[in-house]
Amino acid sequence: MTAGRDISLERILQWLDDLDDLYGAAGLLVERVRRKAWNVARLLALLFVSACGVLAALREPPLGLAVAILLFVFLLYRVVTQPGFASRGRRAAA
């Protein structure tokens, strides 16, 4: 192999490495955009469900109260059954 050919192969390898880095950077950017889009979608869903809940509570107060109680019980259940809930309680008691 000649010295000139080694240099060109090295350049090709560096070019491929740069392409790989560019692909990885684009993947990180796409992941960031995807995460922000999911957060916006969650926020819109939360606002929509909240508005529907307020309208339902204004139209049928007993139904609104029943749904609020069910959501509160579900929230309490999730807080109590979360992994790490017991360790936080022990840390607070110590």
N, C-alpha and C. Protein backbone atom coordinates (compact mmCIF):
# COMPACT_ATOMS: atom_id res chain seq x y z
N MET A 1 0.85 -1.18 0.00
CA MET A 1 0.00 0.00 0.00
C MET A 1 0.90 1.24 0.00
N THR A 2 0.46 2.21 -0.72
CA THR A 2 1.23 3.45 -0.78
C THR A 2 0.74 4.40 0.32
N ALA A 3 1.59 5.38 0.60
CA ALA A 3 1.26 6.35 1.64
C ALA A 3 0.05 7.18 1.24
N GLY A 4 -0.10 7.48 -0.05
CA GLY A 4 -1.24 8.26 -0.52
C GLY A 4 -2.55 7.53 -0.33
N ARG A 5 -2.50 6.22 -0.53
CA ARG A 5 -3.73 5.44 -0.38
C ARG A 5 -4.12 5.34 1.10
N ASP A 6 -3.15 5.25 2.00
CA ASP A 6 -3.44 5.21 3.43
C ASP A 6 -4.12 6.49 3.88
N ILE A 7 -3.67 7.62 3.35
CA ILE A 7 -4.25 8.91 3.72
C ILE A 7 -5.70 8.97 3.24
N SER A 8 -5.98 8.51 2.04
CA SER A 8 -7.35 8.57 1.52
C SER A 8 -8.27 7.63 2.30
N LEU A 9 -7.76 6.45 2.68
CA LEU A 9 -8.57 5.54 3.50
C LEU A 9 -8.83 6.16 4.87
N GLU A 10 -7.85 6.84 5.42
CA GLU A 10 -8.03 7.50 6.71
C GLU A 10 -9.08 8.61 6.60
N ARG A 11 -9.04 9.33 5.49
CA ARG A 11 -10.04 10.38 5.29
C ARG A 11 -11.43 9.79 5.17
N ILE A 12 -11.54 8.68 4.47
CA ILE A 12 -12.86 8.03 4.33
C ILE A 12 -13.36 7.57 5.70
N LEU A 13 -12.46 7.00 6.49
CA LEU A 13 -12.87 6.57 7.83
C LEU A 13 -13.28 7.74 8.70
N GLN A 14 -12.55 8.85 8.61
CA GLN A 14 -12.93 10.05 9.38
C GLN A 14 -14.26 10.61 8.88
N TRP A 15 -14.48 10.56 7.58
CA TRP A 15 -15.74 11.04 7.02
C TRP A 15 -16.90 10.17 7.51
N LEU A 16 -16.71 8.87 7.52
CA LEU A 16 -17.74 7.97 8.03
C LEU A 16 -17.99 8.19 9.52
N ASP A 17 -16.93 8.47 10.27
CA ASP A 17 -17.09 8.76 11.69
C ASP A 17 -17.87 10.07 11.88
N ASP A 18 -17.58 11.06 11.05
CA ASP A 18 -18.33 12.31 11.13
C ASP A 18 -19.80 12.10 10.78
N LEU A 19 -20.06 11.27 9.79
CA LEU A 19 -21.45 10.95 9.44
C LEU A 19 -22.16 10.25 10.60
N ASP A 20 -21.46 9.35 11.26
CA ASP A 20 -22.03 8.66 12.42
C ASP A 20 -22.34 9.65 13.54
N ASP A 21 -21.43 10.58 13.78
CA ASP A 21 -21.66 11.62 14.80
C ASP A 21 -22.85 12.49 14.43
N LEU A 22 -22.96 12.84 13.15
CA LEU A 22 -24.07 13.66 12.69
C LEU A 22 -25.39 12.91 12.87
N TYR A 23 -25.41 11.63 12.57
CA TYR A 23 -26.61 10.81 12.75
C TYR A 23 -27.00 10.75 14.22
N GLY A 24 -26.02 10.59 15.10
CA GLY A 24 -26.30 10.55 16.53
C GLY A 24 -26.83 11.89 17.05
N ALA A 25 -26.24 12.99 16.58
CA ALA A 25 -26.71 14.32 16.99
C ALA A 25 -28.13 14.56 16.50
N ALA A 26 -28.43 14.14 15.28
CA ALA A 26 -29.79 14.30 14.76
C ALA A 26 -30.76 13.46 15.57
N GLY A 27 -30.35 12.27 15.98
CA GLY A 27 -31.20 11.43 16.82
C GLY A 27 -31.49 12.07 18.16
N LEU A 28 -30.49 12.71 18.75
CA LEU A 28 -30.71 13.41 20.02
C LEU A 28 -31.66 14.58 19.84
N LEU A 29 -31.53 15.29 18.74
CA LEU A 29 -32.42 16.42 18.47
C LEU A 29 -33.86 15.94 18.25
N VAL A 30 -34.02 14.88 17.49
CA VAL A 30 -35.35 14.33 17.25
C VAL A 30 -35.97 13.85 18.56
N GLU A 31 -35.18 13.24 19.42
CA GLU A 31 -35.69 12.78 20.72
C GLU A 31 -36.16 13.96 21.56
N ARG A 32 -35.43 15.05 21.56
CA ARG A 32 -35.82 16.24 22.32
C ARG A 32 -37.13 16.82 21.79
N VAL A 33 -37.25 16.89 20.46
CA VAL A 33 -38.48 17.41 19.84
C VAL A 33 -39.65 16.48 20.14
N ARG A 34 -39.41 15.16 20.08
CA ARG A 34 -40.47 14.20 20.37
C ARG A 34 -40.96 14.34 21.80
N ARG A 35 -40.02 14.51 22.74
CA ARG A 35 -40.38 14.65 24.15
C ARG A 35 -41.21 15.91 24.37
N LYS A 36 -40.81 17.01 23.73
CA LYS A 36 -41.58 18.26 23.87
C LYS A 36 -42.97 18.12 23.25
N ALA A 37 -43.07 17.43 22.12
CA ALA A 37 -44.37 17.22 21.49
C ALA A 37 -45.28 16.39 22.39
N TRP A 38 -44.74 15.36 23.03
CA TRP A 38 -45.53 14.56 23.96
C TRP A 38 -45.99 15.39 25.14
N ASN A 39 -45.13 16.28 25.64
CA ASN A 39 -45.52 17.13 26.75
C ASN A 39 -46.64 18.08 26.35
N VAL A 40 -46.57 18.63 25.15
CA VAL A 40 -47.65 19.51 24.67
C VAL A 40 -48.94 18.70 24.51
N ALA A 41 -48.85 17.50 23.97
CA ALA A 41 -50.03 16.66 23.81
C ALA A 41 -50.64 16.31 25.17
N ARG A 42 -49.80 16.01 26.16
CA ARG A 42 -50.31 15.72 27.50
C ARG A 42 -51.00 16.94 28.10
N LEU A 43 -50.41 18.11 27.91
CA LEU A 43 -51.00 19.33 28.44
C LEU A 43 -52.36 19.60 27.80
N LEU A 44 -52.45 19.44 26.47
CA LEU A 44 -53.72 19.65 25.78
C LEU A 44 -54.77 18.63 26.25
N ALA A 45 -54.36 17.39 26.44
CA ALA A 45 -55.29 16.37 26.93
C ALA A 45 -55.76 16.70 28.34
N LEU A 46 -54.84 17.15 29.18
CA LEU A 46 -55.21 17.52 30.55
C LEU A 46 -56.20 18.69 30.55
N LEU A 47 -55.94 19.70 29.74
CA LEU A 47 -56.86 20.84 29.66
C LEU A 47 -58.22 20.42 29.13
N PHE A 48 -58.24 19.54 28.13
CA PHE A 48 -59.50 19.08 27.56
C PHE A 48 -60.30 18.28 28.59
N VAL A 49 -59.64 17.37 29.27
CA VAL A 49 -60.33 16.55 30.27
C VAL A 49 -60.80 17.42 31.43
N SER A 50 -59.99 18.39 31.83
CA SER A 50 -60.40 19.29 32.91
C SER A 50 -61.63 20.10 32.51
N ALA A 51 -61.63 20.62 31.30
CA ALA A 51 -62.79 21.40 30.83
C ALA A 51 -64.03 20.52 30.77
N CYS A 52 -63.87 19.30 30.28
CA CYS A 52 -65.02 18.38 30.24
C CYS A 52 -65.51 18.07 31.65
N GLY A 53 -64.59 17.92 32.59
CA GLY A 53 -64.98 17.64 33.97
C GLY A 53 -65.73 18.80 34.59
N VAL A 54 -65.27 20.01 34.33
CA VAL A 54 -65.97 21.19 34.87
C VAL A 54 -67.35 21.30 34.26
N LEU A 55 -67.45 21.10 32.95
CA LEU A 55 -68.76 21.17 32.31
C LEU A 55 -69.70 20.08 32.82
N ALA A 56 -69.19 18.88 33.02
CA ALA A 56 -70.02 17.79 33.55
C ALA A 56 -70.45 18.09 34.98
N ALA A 57 -69.56 18.66 35.78
CA ALA A 57 -69.91 18.98 37.16
C ALA A 57 -70.94 20.10 37.21
N LEU A 58 -70.87 21.05 36.29
CA LEU A 58 -71.86 22.12 36.27
C LEU A 58 -73.23 21.62 35.79
N ARG A 59 -73.20 20.65 34.89
CA ARG A 59 -74.45 20.12 34.34
C ARG A 59 -75.08 19.11 35.28
N GLU A 60 -74.29 18.22 35.85
CA GLU A 60 -74.78 17.17 36.76
C GLU A 60 -73.89 17.15 38.00
N PRO A 61 -74.18 17.96 39.03
CA PRO A 61 -73.32 18.02 40.22
C PRO A 61 -73.08 16.68 40.92
N PRO A 62 -74.08 15.79 41.08
CA PRO A 62 -73.79 14.51 41.73
C PRO A 62 -72.78 13.66 40.93
N LEU A 63 -72.91 13.70 39.62
CA LEU A 63 -71.95 12.96 38.78
C LEU A 63 -70.55 13.55 38.92
N GLY A 64 -70.45 14.86 38.96
CA GLY A 64 -69.15 15.51 39.14
C GLY A 64 -68.53 15.14 40.47
N LEU A 65 -69.34 15.09 41.53
CA LEU A 65 -68.83 14.71 42.85
C LEU A 65 -68.36 13.26 42.84
N ALA A 66 -69.12 12.37 42.21
CA ALA A 66 -68.74 10.96 42.16
C ALA A 66 -67.42 10.77 41.41
N VAL A 67 -67.26 11.46 40.30
CA VAL A 67 -66.03 11.34 39.53
C VAL A 67 -64.86 11.92 40.32
N ALA A 68 -65.07 13.04 41.01
CA ALA A 68 -64.00 13.64 41.81
C ALA A 68 -63.56 12.70 42.92
N ILE A 69 -64.50 12.04 43.56
CA ILE A 69 -64.16 11.09 44.64
C ILE A 69 -63.38 9.91 44.07
N LEU A 70 -63.81 9.38 42.92
CA LEU A 70 -63.08 8.26 42.30
C LEU A 70 -61.65 8.68 41.92
N LEU A 71 -61.50 9.86 41.37
CA LEU A 71 -60.16 10.32 41.01
C LEU A 71 -59.29 10.52 42.25
N PHE A 72 -59.88 11.03 43.32
CA PHE A 72 -59.12 11.23 44.56
C PHE A 72 -58.67 9.90 45.14
N VAL A 73 -59.56 8.89 45.15
CA VAL A 73 -59.19 7.57 45.66
C VAL A 73 -58.09 6.96 44.79
N PHE A 74 -58.20 7.10 43.48
CA PHE A 74 -57.16 6.58 42.58
C PHE A 74 -55.82 7.26 42.85
N LEU A 75 -55.85 8.58 43.07
CA LEU A 75 -54.62 9.31 43.36
C LEU A 75 -54.00 8.83 44.68
N LEU A 76 -54.81 8.65 45.70
CA LEU A 76 -54.29 8.14 46.97
C LEU A 76 -53.69 6.75 46.80
N TYR A 77 -54.36 5.88 46.04
CA TYR A 77 -53.86 4.52 45.80
C TYR A 77 -52.50 4.57 45.11
N ARG A 78 -52.37 5.43 44.09
CA ARG A 78 -51.09 5.53 43.39
C ARG A 78 -49.98 6.03 44.29
N VAL A 79 -50.28 7.00 45.13
CA VAL A 79 -49.26 7.55 46.03
C VAL A 79 -48.80 6.49 47.01
N VAL A 80 -49.73 5.70 47.53
CA VAL A 80 -49.38 4.69 48.54
C VAL A 80 -48.64 3.52 47.92
N THR A 81 -48.96 3.14 46.70
CA THR A 81 -48.35 1.95 46.08
C THR A 81 -47.15 2.28 45.21
N GLN A 82 -46.71 3.53 45.17
CA GLN A 82 -45.53 3.88 44.38
C GLN A 82 -44.30 3.18 44.94
N PRO A 83 -43.40 2.72 44.06
CA PRO A 83 -42.15 2.18 44.58
C PRO A 83 -41.36 3.31 45.24
N GLY A 84 -40.82 3.03 46.37
CA GLY A 84 -40.05 4.05 47.06
C GLY A 84 -40.87 4.84 48.06
N PHE A 85 -42.17 4.58 48.13
CA PHE A 85 -43.00 5.31 49.08
C PHE A 85 -42.59 4.97 50.51
N ALA A 86 -42.35 3.69 50.78
CA ALA A 86 -41.98 3.27 52.13
C ALA A 86 -40.61 3.83 52.52
N SER A 87 -39.67 3.86 51.59
CA SER A 87 -38.34 4.37 51.93
C SER A 87 -38.39 5.86 52.23
N ARG A 88 -39.26 6.61 51.53
CA ARG A 88 -39.39 8.03 51.84
C ARG A 88 -39.99 8.23 53.22
N GLY A 89 -40.94 7.37 53.58
CA GLY A 89 -41.56 7.47 54.90
C GLY A 89 -40.56 7.18 55.99
N ARG A 90 -39.70 6.18 55.80
CA ARG A 90 -38.69 5.86 56.80
C ARG A 90 -37.67 6.98 56.94
N ARG A 91 -37.31 7.59 55.80
CA ARG A 91 -36.35 8.69 55.85
C ARG A 91 -36.93 9.89 56.59
N ALA A 92 -38.20 10.16 56.39
CA ALA A 92 -38.84 11.30 57.04
C ALA A 92 -38.96 11.05 58.55
N ALA A 93 -39.18 9.78 58.94
CA ALA A 93 -39.33 9.45 60.35
C ALA A 93 -37.99 9.48 61.08
N ALA A 94 -36.91 9.24 60.37
CA ALA A 94 -35.59 9.17 61.01
C ALA A 94 -35.05 10.51 61.40
